[in-house]
Amino acid sequence: MAAVYKSLSKSAKKVEDTEENDNNTTTTTNGGFRKNKQRVLILSSRGVTYRHRHLLNDLAAMLPHGRKDVKFDSKSKLYQLNELAELYNCNNVMFFEARKGKDLYMWFSKVPNGPTVKFHAQNLHTMEELHFTGNCLKGSRPLLSFDLAFEQEPHYRVIKAVFLQMFGVPQGARKSKPFIDHVLSFSIADGKIWVRNYEIREVEKAKGEKDSEGNDIVPESDKSSSKKRKGAPNAELKDTDVSLVEIGPRFVLTPIIIQEGAFGGPIIYENKRFISPNQVRSELRKSKASRHNARVEQVKERLGKLETLTAEAKKQRDVLDTRELFA
């Protein structure tokens, strides 16, 4: 009984400890860490093209805390995705909605309380078709780089918070590696969000190179020998060139609406400048139809002029004309 009492008292003390919320971990007063269990459910609707499917696979490979599921049948009852996320123990949903086999809409939702952001995805390029030289370890955690414009307007701040939950791999997540070797860049231009993925590449500087100030770089052997003479342990520093090499995929997101709830609720933001691709295609068809109608009108005018000219020629004929005498 004494052993049972001691174990129960220890568990009660741990529950009473205060907790501090962080983006990746939760710290307790006794120095321990509690994992922030972020999981992302990744799935698509019916009718996606091969490009949409390859983009989904690339994003699923980049997110070790994600879970890929089969295609979702309905496009109108999106609230059923909340139950599906709870079934798979996921608190984030990334849904690819394909329309007419051409347009791709991406839904980012925080389950179960929201918010939900709907984007129109354009300029999709997958890893296979880009053939970039960048590479990173599968399952490694990325650095998230956001443009300063994300802090200027409230709806961009909401989108930034959603991206942090979606693409920010929590520390110690399942299938994740304890390395940070690539950067996810989110920049805003022309009202659109441009997403890029870069590798952090470090290359040692060659002997005889100069730094940015024009000074000669001391070779590594000279540095190590001088530091060993001084007796400073673990003080050897390497001169490296840090560069970014693009990996892929790359795509552009246009925010359309932000809903307060998870796949429902009131609309708290709507992009008035967004023009749907259906409207763009209808305008193109109307412009082509207007050119065709203009050509038809020209043909009608030409035929009308010919009829008037022939009628006038008949009126001007003489009575003794052979065509009138022997008609």
C-alpha atoms as a PDB file:
ATOM      1  CA  MET A   1       0.000   0.000   0.000  1.00  0.00           C
ATOM      2  CA  ALA A   2       2.864   2.397   0.738  1.00  0.00           C
ATOM      3  CA  ALA A   3       4.256   1.920  -2.785  1.00  0.00           C
ATOM      4  CA  VAL A   4       0.836   2.649  -4.307  1.00  0.00           C
ATOM      5  CA  TYR A   5       0.494   5.789  -2.169  1.00  0.00           C
ATOM      6  CA  LYS A   6       3.936   7.049  -3.258  1.00  0.00           C
ATOM      7  CA  SER A   7       3.178   6.535  -6.969  1.00  0.00           C
ATOM      8  CA  LEU A   8      -0.166   8.324  -6.664  1.00  0.00           C
ATOM      9  CA  SER A   9       1.400  11.260  -4.826  1.00  0.00           C
ATOM     10  CA  LYS A  10       4.101  11.630  -7.489  1.00  0.00           C
ATOM     11  CA  SER A  11       1.503  11.673 -10.273  1.00  0.00           C
ATOM     12  CA  ALA A  12      -0.538  14.291  -8.390  1.00  0.00           C
ATOM     13  CA  LYS A  13       2.525  16.523  -8.050  1.00  0.00           C
ATOM     14  CA  LYS A  14       3.204  16.299 -11.787  1.00  0.00           C
ATOM     15  CA  VAL A  15      -0.375  17.328 -12.599  1.00  0.00           C
ATOM     16  CA  GLU A  16      -0.135  20.364 -10.329  1.00  0.00           C
ATOM     17  CA  ASP A  17       2.978  21.682 -12.099  1.00  0.00           C
ATOM     18  CA  THR A  18       2.336  24.756 -14.255  1.00  0.00           C
ATOM     19  CA  GLU A  19       2.652  24.488 -18.021  1.00  0.00           C
ATOM     20  CA  GLU A  20       4.027  26.951 -20.484  1.00  0.00           C
ATOM     21  CA  ASN A  21       2.749  26.828 -24.077  1.00  0.00           C
ATOM     22  CA  ASP A  22       5.266  27.013 -26.903  1.00  0.00           C
ATOM     23  CA  ASN A  23       5.020  26.519 -30.645  1.00  0.00           C
ATOM     24  CA  ASN A  24       6.860  23.228 -30.679  1.00  0.00           C
ATOM     25  CA  THR A  25       7.094  22.048 -27.037  1.00  0.00           C
ATOM     26  CA  THR A  26       5.353  22.582 -23.724  1.00  0.00           C
ATOM     27  CA  THR A  27       7.689  23.131 -20.757  1.00  0.00           C
ATOM     28  CA  THR A  28       6.848  22.171 -17.176  1.00  0.00           C
ATOM     29  CA  THR A  29       8.365  23.491 -13.946  1.00  0.00           C
ATOM     30  CA  ASN A  30      10.224  20.266 -13.219  1.00  0.00           C
ATOM     31  CA  GLY A  31      12.317  20.727 -16.386  1.00  0.00           C
ATOM     32  CA  GLY A  32      10.526  18.135 -18.548  1.00  0.00           C
ATOM     33  CA  PHE A  33       9.096  18.595 -22.033  1.00  0.00           C
ATOM     34  CA  ARG A  34       5.702  17.611 -23.335  1.00  0.00           C
ATOM     35  CA  LYS A  35       5.389  17.154 -27.057  1.00  0.00           C
ATOM     36  CA  ASN A  36       3.123  19.420 -29.048  1.00  0.00           C
ATOM     37  CA  LYS A  37       1.278  16.764 -31.010  1.00  0.00           C
ATOM     38  CA  GLN A  38       0.474  18.433 -34.328  1.00  0.00           C
ATOM     39  CA  ARG A  39      -0.775  16.067 -37.025  1.00  0.00           C
ATOM     40  CA  VAL A  40      -1.931  17.033 -40.503  1.00  0.00           C
ATOM     41  CA  LEU A  41      -4.482  15.076 -42.521  1.00  0.00           C
ATOM     42  CA  ILE A  42      -3.685  15.378 -46.235  1.00  0.00           C
ATOM     43  CA  LEU A  43      -6.267  14.280 -48.792  1.00  0.00           C
ATOM     44  CA  SER A  44      -7.866  15.299 -52.078  1.00  0.00           C
ATOM     45  CA  SER A  45     -11.218  15.188 -53.822  1.00  0.00           C
ATOM     46  CA  ARG A  46     -12.235  13.266 -56.916  1.00  0.00           C
ATOM     47  CA  GLY A  47     -11.118  14.615 -60.265  1.00  0.00           C
ATOM     48  CA  VAL A  48      -7.552  15.665 -59.463  1.00  0.00           C
ATOM     49  CA  THR A  49      -5.030  15.620 -62.302  1.00  0.00           C
ATOM     50  CA  TYR A  50      -1.618  13.977 -62.262  1.00  0.00           C
ATOM     51  CA  ARG A  51       0.018  17.345 -61.457  1.00  0.00           C
ATOM     52  CA  HIS A  52      -2.235  17.860 -58.436  1.00  0.00           C
ATOM     53  CA  ARG A  53      -1.524  14.325 -57.255  1.00  0.00           C
ATOM     54  CA  HIS A  54       2.244  14.762 -57.568  1.00  0.00           C
ATOM     55  CA  LEU A  55       2.076  18.050 -55.653  1.00  0.00           C
ATOM     56  CA  LEU A  56       0.128  16.322 -52.866  1.00  0.00           C
ATOM     57  CA  ASN A  57       2.764  13.569 -52.696  1.00  0.00           C
ATOM     58  CA  ASP A  58       5.574  16.144 -52.531  1.00  0.00           C
ATOM     59  CA  LEU A  59       3.921  18.001 -49.662  1.00  0.00           C
ATOM     60  CA  ALA A  60       3.209  14.746 -47.827  1.00  0.00           C
ATOM     61  CA  ALA A  61       6.897  13.799 -48.124  1.00  0.00           C
ATOM     62  CA  MET A  62       7.877  17.210 -46.718  1.00  0.00           C
ATOM     63  CA  LEU A  63       5.594  16.846 -43.677  1.00  0.00           C
ATOM     64  CA  PRO A  64       6.649  13.906 -41.483  1.00  0.00           C
ATOM     65  CA  HIS A  65       3.814  14.744 -39.070  1.00  0.00           C
ATOM     66  CA  GLY A  66       1.233  14.361 -41.856  1.00  0.00           C
ATOM     67  CA  ARG A  67      -1.077  11.493 -42.667  1.00  0.00           C
ATOM     68  CA  LYS A  68      -2.184  10.906 -46.251  1.00  0.00           C
ATOM     69  CA  ASP A  69      -5.673   9.523 -46.777  1.00  0.00           C
ATOM     70  CA  VAL A  70      -7.748   8.322 -49.715  1.00  0.00           C
ATOM     71  CA  LYS A  71      -9.837  10.606 -51.894  1.00  0.00           C
ATOM     72  CA  PHE A  72     -12.840  12.330 -50.369  1.00  0.00           C
ATOM     73  CA  ASP A  73     -16.032  11.822 -52.378  1.00  0.00           C
ATOM     74  CA  SER A  74     -18.124  14.867 -51.500  1.00  0.00           C
ATOM     75  CA  LYS A  75     -17.341  18.469 -52.482  1.00  0.00           C
ATOM     76  CA  SER A  76     -20.314  20.086 -50.740  1.00  0.00           C
ATOM     77  CA  LYS A  77     -20.289  18.377 -47.317  1.00  0.00           C
ATOM     78  CA  LEU A  78     -16.817  19.457 -46.268  1.00  0.00           C
ATOM     79  CA  TYR A  79     -17.831  19.539 -42.600  1.00  0.00           C
ATOM     80  CA  GLN A  80     -17.470  15.746 -42.658  1.00  0.00           C
ATOM     81  CA  LEU A  81     -13.716  16.275 -42.796  1.00  0.00           C
ATOM     82  CA  ASN A  82     -13.848  17.302 -39.118  1.00  0.00           C
ATOM     83  CA  GLU A  83     -15.089  13.863 -38.122  1.00  0.00           C
ATOM     84  CA  LEU A  84     -12.507  12.241 -40.389  1.00  0.00           C
ATOM     85  CA  ALA A  85      -9.705  14.256 -38.737  1.00  0.00           C
ATOM     86  CA  GLU A  86     -10.907  13.263 -35.272  1.00  0.00           C
ATOM     87  CA  LEU A  87     -11.034   9.641 -36.391  1.00  0.00           C
ATOM     88  CA  TYR A  88      -7.352   9.767 -37.391  1.00  0.00           C
ATOM     89  CA  ASN A  89      -6.368  11.894 -34.365  1.00  0.00           C
ATOM     90  CA  CYS A  90      -5.368  14.893 -36.535  1.00  0.00           C
ATOM     91  CA  ASN A  91      -5.855  18.539 -35.585  1.00  0.00           C
ATOM     92  CA  ASN A  92      -5.012  20.050 -39.013  1.00  0.00           C
ATOM     93  CA  VAL A  93      -6.521  19.323 -42.428  1.00  0.00           C
ATOM     94  CA  MET A  94      -5.014  20.064 -45.854  1.00  0.00           C
ATOM     95  CA  PHE A  95      -7.666  19.397 -48.501  1.00  0.00           C
ATOM     96  CA  PHE A  96      -7.116  19.560 -52.275  1.00  0.00           C
ATOM     97  CA  GLU A  97     -10.348  20.346 -54.114  1.00  0.00           C
ATOM     98  CA  ALA A  98     -10.271  19.906 -57.902  1.00  0.00           C
ATOM     99  CA  ARG A  99     -12.836  21.616 -60.126  1.00  0.00           C
ATOM    100  CA  LYS A 100     -13.500  20.753 -63.794  1.00  0.00           C
ATOM    101  CA  GLY A 101     -10.218  18.860 -63.998  1.00  0.00           C
ATOM    102  CA  LYS A 102      -8.345  22.180 -64.297  1.00  0.00           C
ATOM    103  CA  ASP A 103      -8.644  24.330 -61.190  1.00  0.00           C
ATOM    104  CA  LEU A 104      -7.179  23.448 -57.798  1.00  0.00           C
ATOM    105  CA  TYR A 105      -8.441  24.936 -54.537  1.00  0.00           C
ATOM    106  CA  MET A 106      -6.537  24.223 -51.326  1.00  0.00           C
ATOM    107  CA  TRP A 107      -8.259  24.273 -47.932  1.00  0.00           C
ATOM    108  CA  PHE A 108      -6.180  24.715 -44.765  1.00  0.00           C
ATOM    109  CA  SER A 109      -8.222  24.145 -41.619  1.00  0.00           C
ATOM    110  CA  LYS A 110      -7.535  23.936 -37.907  1.00  0.00           C
ATOM    111  CA  VAL A 111      -9.788  21.250 -36.438  1.00  0.00           C
ATOM    112  CA  PRO A 112     -12.132  21.418 -34.538  1.00  0.00           C
ATOM    113  CA  ASN A 113     -12.490  25.151 -33.790  1.00  0.00           C
ATOM    114  CA  GLY A 114     -11.052  26.752 -36.933  1.00  0.00           C
ATOM    115  CA  PRO A 115     -10.161  28.941 -38.699  1.00  0.00           C
ATOM    116  CA  THR A 116     -10.335  27.709 -42.291  1.00  0.00           C
ATOM    117  CA  VAL A 117      -8.540  29.371 -45.210  1.00  0.00           C
ATOM    118  CA  LYS A 118      -9.401  28.692 -48.843  1.00  0.00           C
ATOM    119  CA  PHE A 119      -6.755  29.304 -51.529  1.00  0.00           C
ATOM    120  CA  HIS A 120      -6.656  29.108 -55.290  1.00  0.00           C
ATOM    121  CA  ALA A 121      -3.430  27.350 -56.344  1.00  0.00           C
ATOM    122  CA  GLN A 122      -1.685  28.407 -59.543  1.00  0.00           C
ATOM    123  CA  ASN A 123       1.672  27.880 -61.289  1.00  0.00           C
ATOM    124  CA  LEU A 124       2.134  24.393 -59.866  1.00  0.00           C
ATOM    125  CA  HIS A 125       5.555  22.810 -60.399  1.00  0.00           C
ATOM    126  CA  THR A 126       6.481  19.512 -58.754  1.00  0.00           C
ATOM    127  CA  MET A 127       9.927  18.195 -57.817  1.00  0.00           C
ATOM    128  CA  GLU A 128      10.080  15.761 -60.716  1.00  0.00           C
ATOM    129  CA  GLU A 129       9.526  18.309 -63.462  1.00  0.00           C
ATOM    130  CA  LEU A 130      11.777  21.042 -62.028  1.00  0.00           C
ATOM    131  CA  HIS A 131      14.980  18.932 -61.830  1.00  0.00           C
ATOM    132  CA  PHE A 132      16.636  21.263 -59.329  1.00  0.00           C
ATOM    133  CA  THR A 133      19.983  20.329 -57.812  1.00  0.00           C
ATOM    134  CA  GLY A 134      18.845  20.974 -54.229  1.00  0.00           C
ATOM    135  CA  ASN A 135      18.253  18.080 -51.874  1.00  0.00           C
ATOM    136  CA  CYS A 136      17.403  17.570 -48.211  1.00  0.00           C
ATOM    137  CA  LEU A 137      16.978  14.741 -45.759  1.00  0.00           C
ATOM    138  CA  LYS A 138      13.525  13.192 -45.814  1.00  0.00           C
ATOM    139  CA  GLY A 139      11.759  13.913 -42.547  1.00  0.00           C
ATOM    140  CA  SER A 140      13.980  16.824 -41.524  1.00  0.00           C
ATOM    141  CA  ARG A 141      12.446  19.888 -39.912  1.00  0.00           C
ATOM    142  CA  PRO A 142      12.260  23.071 -42.012  1.00  0.00           C
ATOM    143  CA  LEU A 143      12.880  26.700 -41.164  1.00  0.00           C
ATOM    144  CA  LEU A 144       9.818  28.807 -41.976  1.00  0.00           C
ATOM    145  CA  SER A 145      10.651  32.186 -43.516  1.00  0.00           C
ATOM    146  CA  PHE A 146       7.809  34.722 -43.757  1.00  0.00           C
ATOM    147  CA  ASP A 147       7.698  38.043 -45.535  1.00  0.00           C
ATOM    148  CA  LEU A 148       7.344  41.200 -43.438  1.00  0.00           C
ATOM    149  CA  ALA A 149       4.022  41.833 -45.181  1.00  0.00           C
ATOM    150  CA  PHE A 150       2.484  39.022 -43.109  1.00  0.00           C
ATOM    151  CA  GLU A 151       2.558  41.338 -40.073  1.00  0.00           C
ATOM    152  CA  GLN A 152       0.942  44.326 -41.770  1.00  0.00           C
ATOM    153  CA  GLU A 153      -2.646  43.130 -42.210  1.00  0.00           C
ATOM    154  CA  PRO A 154      -4.806  41.001 -39.888  1.00  0.00           C
ATOM    155  CA  HIS A 155      -5.852  38.387 -42.449  1.00  0.00           C
ATOM    156  CA  TYR A 156      -2.198  37.755 -43.327  1.00  0.00           C
ATOM    157  CA  ARG A 157      -1.486  37.225 -39.624  1.00  0.00           C
ATOM    158  CA  VAL A 158      -4.204  34.566 -39.500  1.00  0.00           C
ATOM    159  CA  ILE A 159      -2.742  32.877 -42.595  1.00  0.00           C
ATOM    160  CA  LYS A 160       0.731  32.952 -41.028  1.00  0.00           C
ATOM    161  CA  ALA A 161      -0.580  31.254 -37.861  1.00  0.00           C
ATOM    162  CA  VAL A 162      -2.241  28.543 -39.989  1.00  0.00           C
ATOM    163  CA  PHE A 163       0.969  27.982 -41.975  1.00  0.00           C
ATOM    164  CA  LEU A 164       2.957  27.671 -38.745  1.00  0.00           C
ATOM    165  CA  GLN A 165       0.660  24.880 -37.577  1.00  0.00           C
ATOM    166  CA  MET A 166       0.616  23.149 -40.970  1.00  0.00           C
ATOM    167  CA  PHE A 167       4.236  23.300 -42.134  1.00  0.00           C
ATOM    168  CA  GLY A 168       6.009  23.686 -38.789  1.00  0.00           C
ATOM    169  CA  VAL A 169       7.155  20.180 -37.870  1.00  0.00           C
ATOM    170  CA  PRO A 170       7.043  19.862 -34.071  1.00  0.00           C
ATOM    171  CA  GLN A 171      10.160  18.745 -32.287  1.00  0.00           C
ATOM    172  CA  GLY A 172      10.213  15.011 -31.684  1.00  0.00           C
ATOM    173  CA  ALA A 173       7.363  14.303 -34.080  1.00  0.00           C
ATOM    174  CA  ARG A 174       6.907  10.799 -35.387  1.00  0.00           C
ATOM    175  CA  LYS A 175       9.017  10.046 -38.516  1.00  0.00           C
ATOM    176  CA  SER A 176      10.882  13.360 -38.129  1.00  0.00           C
ATOM    177  CA  LYS A 177      14.664  13.676 -38.061  1.00  0.00           C
ATOM    178  CA  PRO A 178      16.530  15.973 -35.633  1.00  0.00           C
ATOM    179  CA  PHE A 179      18.038  18.032 -38.462  1.00  0.00           C
ATOM    180  CA  ILE A 180      17.236  21.399 -40.034  1.00  0.00           C
ATOM    181  CA  ASP A 181      18.581  21.512 -43.571  1.00  0.00           C
ATOM    182  CA  HIS A 182      15.966  23.329 -45.667  1.00  0.00           C
ATOM    183  CA  VAL A 183      13.914  26.529 -45.652  1.00  0.00           C
ATOM    184  CA  LEU A 184      10.272  27.033 -46.601  1.00  0.00           C
ATOM    185  CA  SER A 185       9.830  30.575 -47.897  1.00  0.00           C
ATOM    186  CA  PHE A 186       6.467  32.380 -47.932  1.00  0.00           C
ATOM    187  CA  SER A 187       6.521  35.748 -49.684  1.00  0.00           C
ATOM    188  CA  ILE A 188       3.710  38.094 -50.740  1.00  0.00           C
ATOM    189  CA  ALA A 189       3.642  39.805 -54.136  1.00  0.00           C
ATOM    190  CA  ASP A 190       0.668  41.176 -56.062  1.00  0.00           C
ATOM    191  CA  GLY A 191      -1.764  39.914 -53.422  1.00  0.00           C
ATOM    192  CA  LYS A 192      -0.565  36.318 -53.828  1.00  0.00           C
ATOM    193  CA  ILE A 193       1.545  34.067 -51.597  1.00  0.00           C
ATOM    194  CA  TRP A 194       4.574  32.553 -53.339  1.00  0.00           C
ATOM    195  CA  VAL A 195       5.814  29.315 -51.758  1.00  0.00           C
ATOM    196  CA  ARG A 196       9.374  28.061 -52.340  1.00  0.00           C
ATOM    197  CA  ASN A 197      11.513  25.328 -50.787  1.00  0.00           C
ATOM    198  CA  TYR A 198      15.309  25.778 -50.518  1.00  0.00           C
ATOM    199  CA  GLU A 199      18.169  23.635 -49.304  1.00  0.00           C
ATOM    200  CA  ILE A 200      20.661  25.171 -46.853  1.00  0.00           C
ATOM    201  CA  ARG A 201      23.994  24.287 -48.425  1.00  0.00           C
ATOM    202  CA  GLU A 202      27.274  24.892 -46.605  1.00  0.00           C
ATOM    203  CA  VAL A 203      30.519  24.669 -48.583  1.00  0.00           C
ATOM    204  CA  GLU A 204      33.975  25.169 -47.100  1.00  0.00           C
ATOM    205  CA  LYS A 205      35.881  28.073 -48.594  1.00  0.00           C
ATOM    206  CA  ALA A 206      38.891  27.159 -50.684  1.00  0.00           C
ATOM    207  CA  LYS A 207      42.382  28.356 -49.829  1.00  0.00           C
ATOM    208  CA  GLY A 208      43.227  31.772 -51.252  1.00  0.00           C
ATOM    209  CA  GLU A 209      39.644  33.043 -51.377  1.00  0.00           C
ATOM    210  CA  LYS A 210      38.675  36.406 -49.983  1.00  0.00           C
ATOM    211  CA  ASP A 211      35.759  37.281 -47.783  1.00  0.00           C
ATOM    212  CA  SER A 212      33.222  40.069 -48.309  1.00  0.00           C
ATOM    213  CA  GLU A 213      35.623  42.684 -46.843  1.00  0.00           C
ATOM    214  CA  GLY A 214      38.453  41.718 -49.190  1.00  0.00           C
ATOM    215  CA  ASN A 215      40.663  40.069 -46.542  1.00  0.00           C
ATOM    216  CA  ASP A 216      42.495  36.845 -47.229  1.00  0.00           C
ATOM    217  CA  ILE A 217      41.046  33.771 -45.584  1.00  0.00           C
ATOM    218  CA  VAL A 218      43.383  31.969 -43.231  1.00  0.00           C
ATOM    219  CA  PRO A 219      43.641  28.251 -44.022  1.00  0.00           C
ATOM    220  CA  GLU A 220      42.034  25.800 -41.642  1.00  0.00           C
ATOM    221  CA  SER A 221      45.327  24.114 -40.787  1.00  0.00           C
ATOM    222  CA  ASP A 222      46.878  27.414 -39.670  1.00  0.00           C
ATOM    223  CA  LYS A 223      43.840  28.248 -37.549  1.00  0.00           C
ATOM    224  CA  SER A 224      43.792  24.864 -35.854  1.00  0.00           C
ATOM    225  CA  SER A 225      47.518  24.927 -35.123  1.00  0.00           C
ATOM    226  CA  SER A 226      47.347  28.444 -33.647  1.00  0.00           C
ATOM    227  CA  LYS A 227      44.344  27.570 -31.488  1.00  0.00           C
ATOM    228  CA  LYS A 228      45.941  24.342 -30.303  1.00  0.00           C
ATOM    229  CA  ARG A 229      48.989  26.295 -29.227  1.00  0.00           C
ATOM    230  CA  LYS A 230      46.817  28.598 -27.183  1.00  0.00           C
ATOM    231  CA  GLY A 231      45.244  25.575 -25.547  1.00  0.00           C
ATOM    232  CA  ALA A 232      41.608  26.488 -26.306  1.00  0.00           C
ATOM    233  CA  PRO A 233      39.624  23.209 -26.543  1.00  0.00           C
ATOM    234  CA  ASN A 234      36.879  22.883 -29.220  1.00  0.00           C
ATOM    235  CA  ALA A 235      37.602  26.379 -30.496  1.00  0.00           C
ATOM    236  CA  GLU A 236      38.229  25.435 -34.115  1.00  0.00           C
ATOM    237  CA  LEU A 237      35.965  27.393 -36.468  1.00  0.00           C
ATOM    238  CA  LYS A 238      35.354  26.583 -40.098  1.00  0.00           C
ATOM    239  CA  ASP A 239      34.896  29.243 -42.771  1.00  0.00           C
ATOM    240  CA  THR A 240      31.951  28.163 -44.902  1.00  0.00           C
ATOM    241  CA  ASP A 241      29.868  29.688 -47.649  1.00  0.00           C
ATOM    242  CA  VAL A 242      26.147  29.334 -46.880  1.00  0.00           C
ATOM    243  CA  SER A 243      23.876  29.373 -49.926  1.00  0.00           C
ATOM    244  CA  LEU A 244      20.314  28.438 -50.764  1.00  0.00           C
ATOM    245  CA  VAL A 245      19.579  25.960 -53.555  1.00  0.00           C
ATOM    246  CA  GLU A 246      15.973  25.432 -54.586  1.00  0.00           C
ATOM    247  CA  ILE A 247      14.525  21.961 -54.185  1.00  0.00           C
ATOM    248  CA  GLY A 248      10.867  22.272 -55.105  1.00  0.00           C
ATOM    249  CA  PRO A 249       7.934  22.103 -55.281  1.00  0.00           C
ATOM    250  CA  ARG A 250       6.846  25.662 -56.042  1.00  0.00           C
ATOM    251  CA  PHE A 251       3.337  27.080 -56.266  1.00  0.00           C
ATOM    252  CA  VAL A 252       1.376  30.298 -55.820  1.00  0.00           C
ATOM    253  CA  LEU A 253      -1.624  30.665 -53.490  1.00  0.00           C
ATOM    254  CA  THR A 254      -4.329  33.321 -53.817  1.00  0.00           C
ATOM    255  CA  PRO A 255      -6.392  33.700 -50.623  1.00  0.00           C
ATOM    256  CA  ILE A 256     -10.149  33.696 -51.302  1.00  0.00           C
ATOM    257  CA  ILE A 257     -11.997  33.500 -47.977  1.00  0.00           C
ATOM    258  CA  ILE A 258     -11.288  32.871 -44.296  1.00  0.00           C
ATOM    259  CA  GLN A 259     -13.986  31.149 -42.245  1.00  0.00           C
ATOM    260  CA  GLU A 260     -14.189  31.364 -38.495  1.00  0.00           C
ATOM    261  CA  GLY A 261     -14.959  27.686 -37.911  1.00  0.00           C
ATOM    262  CA  ALA A 262     -13.572  24.444 -39.286  1.00  0.00           C
ATOM    263  CA  PHE A 263     -15.057  24.103 -42.794  1.00  0.00           C
ATOM    264  CA  GLY A 264     -17.970  26.307 -41.775  1.00  0.00           C
ATOM    265  CA  GLY A 265     -19.045  29.309 -39.794  1.00  0.00           C
ATOM    266  CA  PRO A 266     -19.180  33.003 -40.702  1.00  0.00           C
ATOM    267  CA  ILE A 267     -16.789  34.451 -43.265  1.00  0.00           C
ATOM    268  CA  ILE A 268     -14.376  36.831 -41.508  1.00  0.00           C
ATOM    269  CA  TYR A 269     -12.424  37.782 -44.658  1.00  0.00           C
ATOM    270  CA  GLU A 270     -13.208  37.785 -48.372  1.00  0.00           C
ATOM    271  CA  ASN A 271     -10.829  38.770 -51.157  1.00  0.00           C
ATOM    272  CA  LYS A 272     -12.708  41.242 -53.352  1.00  0.00           C
ATOM    273  CA  ARG A 273      -9.926  41.294 -55.940  1.00  0.00           C
ATOM    274  CA  PHE A 274     -10.117  37.582 -56.645  1.00  0.00           C
ATOM    275  CA  ILE A 275     -11.515  36.642 -60.059  1.00  0.00           C
ATOM    276  CA  SER A 276     -12.578  33.040 -60.449  1.00  0.00           C
ATOM    277  CA  PRO A 277     -11.037  31.075 -63.341  1.00  0.00           C
ATOM    278  CA  ASN A 278     -14.548  30.326 -64.645  1.00  0.00           C
ATOM    279  CA  GLN A 279     -15.142  34.043 -65.151  1.00  0.00           C
ATOM    280  CA  VAL A 280     -11.773  34.429 -66.871  1.00  0.00           C
ATOM    281  CA  ARG A 281     -12.586  31.612 -69.292  1.00  0.00           C
ATOM    282  CA  SER A 282     -16.053  33.039 -69.990  1.00  0.00           C
ATOM    283  CA  GLU A 283     -14.530  36.429 -70.799  1.00  0.00           C
ATOM    284  CA  LEU A 284     -12.114  34.768 -73.215  1.00  0.00           C
ATOM    285  CA  ARG A 285     -14.969  32.940 -74.912  1.00  0.00           C
ATOM    286  CA  LYS A 286     -16.956  36.186 -75.178  1.00  0.00           C
ATOM    287  CA  SER A 287     -14.000  37.968 -76.757  1.00  0.00           C
ATOM    288  CA  LYS A 288     -13.647  35.187 -79.333  1.00  0.00           C
ATOM    289  CA  ALA A 289     -17.400  35.276 -79.969  1.00  0.00           C
ATOM    290  CA  SER A 290     -17.313  39.051 -80.464  1.00  0.00           C
ATOM    291  CA  ARG A 291     -14.635  38.683 -83.148  1.00  0.00           C
ATOM    292  CA  HIS A 292     -16.739  36.062 -84.908  1.00  0.00           C
ATOM    293  CA  ASN A 293     -19.841  38.265 -84.709  1.00  0.00           C
ATOM    294  CA  ALA A 294     -17.881  41.187 -86.169  1.00  0.00           C
ATOM    295  CA  ARG A 295     -16.848  39.074 -89.168  1.00  0.00           C
ATOM    296  CA  VAL A 296     -20.462  37.945 -89.714  1.00  0.00           C
ATOM    297  CA  GLU A 297     -21.622  41.576 -89.682  1.00  0.00           C
ATOM    298  CA  GLN A 298     -18.975  42.503 -92.249  1.00  0.00           C
ATOM    299  CA  VAL A 299     -20.161  39.714 -94.566  1.00  0.00           C
ATOM    300  CA  LYS A 300     -23.770  40.928 -94.210  1.00  0.00           C
ATOM    301  CA  GLU A 301     -22.778  44.516 -95.005  1.00  0.00           C
ATOM    302  CA  ARG A 302     -20.833  43.415 -98.085  1.00  0.00           C
ATOM    303  CA  LEU A 303     -23.761  41.353 -99.394  1.00  0.00           C
ATOM    304  CA  GLY A 304     -26.136  44.284 -98.804  1.00  0.00           C
ATOM    305  CA  LYS A 305     -23.897  46.629-100.766  1.00  0.00           C
ATOM    306  CA  LEU A 306     -23.758  44.166-103.681  1.00  0.00           C
ATOM    307  CA  GLU A 307     -27.554  43.951-103.732  1.00  0.00           C
ATOM    308  CA  THR A 308     -27.932  47.736-103.810  1.00  0.00           C
ATOM    309  CA  LEU A 309     -25.372  48.056-106.624  1.00  0.00           C
ATOM    310  CA  THR A 310     -27.139  45.460-108.779  1.00  0.00           C
ATOM    311  CA  ALA A 311     -30.508  47.140-108.195  1.00  0.00           C
ATOM    312  CA  GLU A 312     -29.111  50.520-109.238  1.00  0.00           C
ATOM    313  CA  ALA A 313     -27.557  48.985-112.370  1.00  0.00           C
ATOM    314  CA  LYS A 314     -30.942  47.527-113.364  1.00  0.00           C
ATOM    315  CA  LYS A 315     -32.633  50.921-112.983  1.00  0.00           C
ATOM    316  CA  GLN A 316     -30.052  52.688-115.209  1.00  0.00           C
ATOM    317  CA  ARG A 317     -30.550  50.341-118.205  1.00  0.00           C
ATOM    318  CA  ASP A 318     -31.789  51.916-121.499  1.00  0.00           C
ATOM    319  CA  VAL A 319     -35.087  50.882-123.077  1.00  0.00           C
ATOM    320  CA  LEU A 320     -33.324  49.905-126.335  1.00  0.00           C
ATOM    321  CA  ASP A 321     -30.779  47.778-124.474  1.00  0.00           C
ATOM    322  CA  THR A 322     -30.545  44.253-125.914  1.00  0.00           C
ATOM    323  CA  ARG A 323     -30.906  42.817-122.437  1.00  0.00           C
ATOM    324  CA  GLU A 324     -34.233  44.601-122.152  1.00  0.00           C
ATOM    325  CA  LEU A 325     -35.398  43.845-125.715  1.00  0.00           C
ATOM    326  CA  PHE A 326     -34.536  40.148-125.705  1.00  0.00           C
ATOM    327  CA  ALA A 327     -35.089  39.427-122.020  1.00  0.00           C
END
